[in-house]
């Protein structure tokens, strides 16, 4: 039998692969976020301060709601 060696961490190839995947996702969200913001302000004529407050409320709600929904899903579809 051969020896089993354990490597710590990721190889540079895998590290770059994970980085590029995350970069693509982040760029998509950033692009859509900026387009939506311009649409709300320029087309729908929502005040920038009002939009900032609405987005703050949305993000707070999302931060509270996501763990709750995760817990519900874990309990409903537990293995």
C-alpha atoms as a PDB file:
ATOM      1  CA  UNK A   1       0.000   0.000   0.000  1.00  0.00           C
ATOM      2  CA  UNK A   2       1.149   3.513  -0.752  1.00  0.00           C
ATOM      3  CA  UNK A   3       1.405   6.313   1.691  1.00  0.00           C
ATOM      4  CA  UNK A   4      -1.436   8.787   1.868  1.00  0.00           C
ATOM      5  CA  UNK A   5      -0.246  12.347   1.947  1.00  0.00           C
ATOM      6  CA  UNK A   6      -2.433  15.196   3.034  1.00  0.00           C
ATOM      7  CA  UNK A   7      -2.110  18.582   1.399  1.00  0.00           C
ATOM      8  CA  UNK A   8      -3.174  21.633   3.325  1.00  0.00           C
ATOM      9  CA  UNK A   9      -5.120  24.308   1.497  1.00  0.00           C
ATOM     10  CA  UNK A  10      -5.953  24.698  -2.156  1.00  0.00           C
ATOM     11  CA  UNK A  11      -3.716  24.534  -5.156  1.00  0.00           C
ATOM     12  CA  UNK A  12      -3.161  27.791  -6.992  1.00  0.00           C
ATOM     13  CA  UNK A  13      -5.278  26.487  -9.897  1.00  0.00           C
ATOM     14  CA  UNK A  14      -8.252  25.764  -7.621  1.00  0.00           C
ATOM     15  CA  UNK A  15      -7.806  29.037  -5.748  1.00  0.00           C
ATOM     16  CA  UNK A  16      -7.948  31.031  -9.007  1.00  0.00           C
ATOM     17  CA  UNK A  17     -10.942  28.986 -10.161  1.00  0.00           C
ATOM     18  CA  UNK A  18     -12.918  29.743  -7.001  1.00  0.00           C
ATOM     19  CA  UNK A  19     -11.886  33.386  -7.176  1.00  0.00           C
ATOM     20  CA  UNK A  20     -13.052  33.756 -10.777  1.00  0.00           C
ATOM     21  CA  UNK A  21     -16.395  32.128 -10.012  1.00  0.00           C
ATOM     22  CA  UNK A  22     -17.001  34.496  -7.124  1.00  0.00           C
ATOM     23  CA  UNK A  23     -15.817  37.440  -9.214  1.00  0.00           C
ATOM     24  CA  UNK A  24     -18.405  36.658 -11.900  1.00  0.00           C
ATOM     25  CA  UNK A  25     -21.211  36.445  -9.373  1.00  0.00           C
ATOM     26  CA  UNK A  26     -20.185  39.652  -7.648  1.00  0.00           C
ATOM     27  CA  UNK A  27     -19.930  41.525 -10.946  1.00  0.00           C
ATOM     28  CA  UNK A  28     -23.419  40.375 -11.927  1.00  0.00           C
ATOM     29  CA  UNK A  29     -24.916  41.592  -8.655  1.00  0.00           C
ATOM     30  CA  UNK A  30     -22.991  44.886  -8.829  1.00  0.00           C
ATOM     31  CA  UNK A  31     -24.091  45.534 -12.409  1.00  0.00           C
ATOM     32  CA  UNK A  32     -27.731  44.737 -11.697  1.00  0.00           C
ATOM     33  CA  UNK A  33     -27.655  46.784  -8.499  1.00  0.00           C
ATOM     34  CA  UNK A  34     -26.331  49.838 -10.284  1.00  0.00           C
ATOM     35  CA  UNK A  35     -28.780  49.477 -13.182  1.00  0.00           C
ATOM     36  CA  UNK A  36     -31.733  49.098 -10.803  1.00  0.00           C
ATOM     37  CA  UNK A  37     -30.601  52.138  -8.801  1.00  0.00           C
ATOM     38  CA  UNK A  38     -30.358  54.278 -11.939  1.00  0.00           C
ATOM     39  CA  UNK A  39     -33.770  53.015 -13.046  1.00  0.00           C
ATOM     40  CA  UNK A  40     -35.393  53.882  -9.706  1.00  0.00           C
ATOM     41  CA  UNK A  41     -33.833  57.347  -9.560  1.00  0.00           C
ATOM     42  CA  UNK A  42     -33.971  58.423 -13.219  1.00  0.00           C
ATOM     43  CA  UNK A  43     -37.049  56.650 -14.580  1.00  0.00           C
ATOM     44  CA  UNK A  44     -39.320  56.224 -11.558  1.00  0.00           C
ATOM     45  CA  UNK A  45     -38.103  59.537 -10.051  1.00  0.00           C
ATOM     46  CA  UNK A  46     -37.657  58.153  -6.529  1.00  0.00           C
ATOM     47  CA  UNK A  47     -35.650  60.458  -4.286  1.00  0.00           C
ATOM     48  CA  UNK A  48     -32.141  59.121  -3.580  1.00  0.00           C
ATOM     49  CA  UNK A  49     -32.580  59.453   0.197  1.00  0.00           C
ATOM     50  CA  UNK A  50     -35.901  57.609   0.043  1.00  0.00           C
ATOM     51  CA  UNK A  51     -34.317  54.874  -2.051  1.00  0.00           C
ATOM     52  CA  UNK A  52     -31.460  54.560   0.447  1.00  0.00           C
ATOM     53  CA  UNK A  53     -33.922  54.139   3.330  1.00  0.00           C
ATOM     54  CA  UNK A  54     -35.952  51.579   1.367  1.00  0.00           C
ATOM     55  CA  UNK A  55     -32.825  49.581   0.522  1.00  0.00           C
ATOM     56  CA  UNK A  56     -31.699  49.734   4.158  1.00  0.00           C
ATOM     57  CA  UNK A  57     -35.058  48.401   5.330  1.00  0.00           C
ATOM     58  CA  UNK A  58     -34.923  45.681   2.660  1.00  0.00           C
ATOM     59  CA  UNK A  59     -31.429  44.569   3.723  1.00  0.00           C
ATOM     60  CA  UNK A  60     -32.366  44.503   7.412  1.00  0.00           C
ATOM     61  CA  UNK A  61     -35.437  42.436   6.568  1.00  0.00           C
ATOM     62  CA  UNK A  62     -33.280  40.099   4.466  1.00  0.00           C
ATOM     63  CA  UNK A  63     -30.775  39.682   7.314  1.00  0.00           C
ATOM     64  CA  UNK A  64     -33.583  38.720   9.715  1.00  0.00           C
ATOM     65  CA  UNK A  65     -35.622  36.642   7.279  1.00  0.00           C
ATOM     66  CA  UNK A  66     -32.853  34.461   5.773  1.00  0.00           C
ATOM     67  CA  UNK A  67     -31.926  32.599   8.985  1.00  0.00           C
ATOM     68  CA  UNK A  68     -35.609  32.096   9.793  1.00  0.00           C
ATOM     69  CA  UNK A  69     -36.298  30.620   6.355  1.00  0.00           C
ATOM     70  CA  UNK A  70     -33.154  28.483   6.626  1.00  0.00           C
ATOM     71  CA  UNK A  71     -34.357  27.061   9.929  1.00  0.00           C
ATOM     72  CA  UNK A  72     -37.801  26.347   8.492  1.00  0.00           C
ATOM     73  CA  UNK A  73     -36.299  24.599   5.462  1.00  0.00           C
ATOM     74  CA  UNK A  74     -33.970  22.542   7.661  1.00  0.00           C
ATOM     75  CA  UNK A  75     -36.894  21.366   9.786  1.00  0.00           C
ATOM     76  CA  UNK A  76     -39.167  20.616   6.830  1.00  0.00           C
ATOM     77  CA  UNK A  77     -36.634  18.766   4.717  1.00  0.00           C
ATOM     78  CA  UNK A  78     -34.440  17.184   7.395  1.00  0.00           C
ATOM     79  CA  UNK A  79     -32.834  13.942   6.336  1.00  0.00           C
END
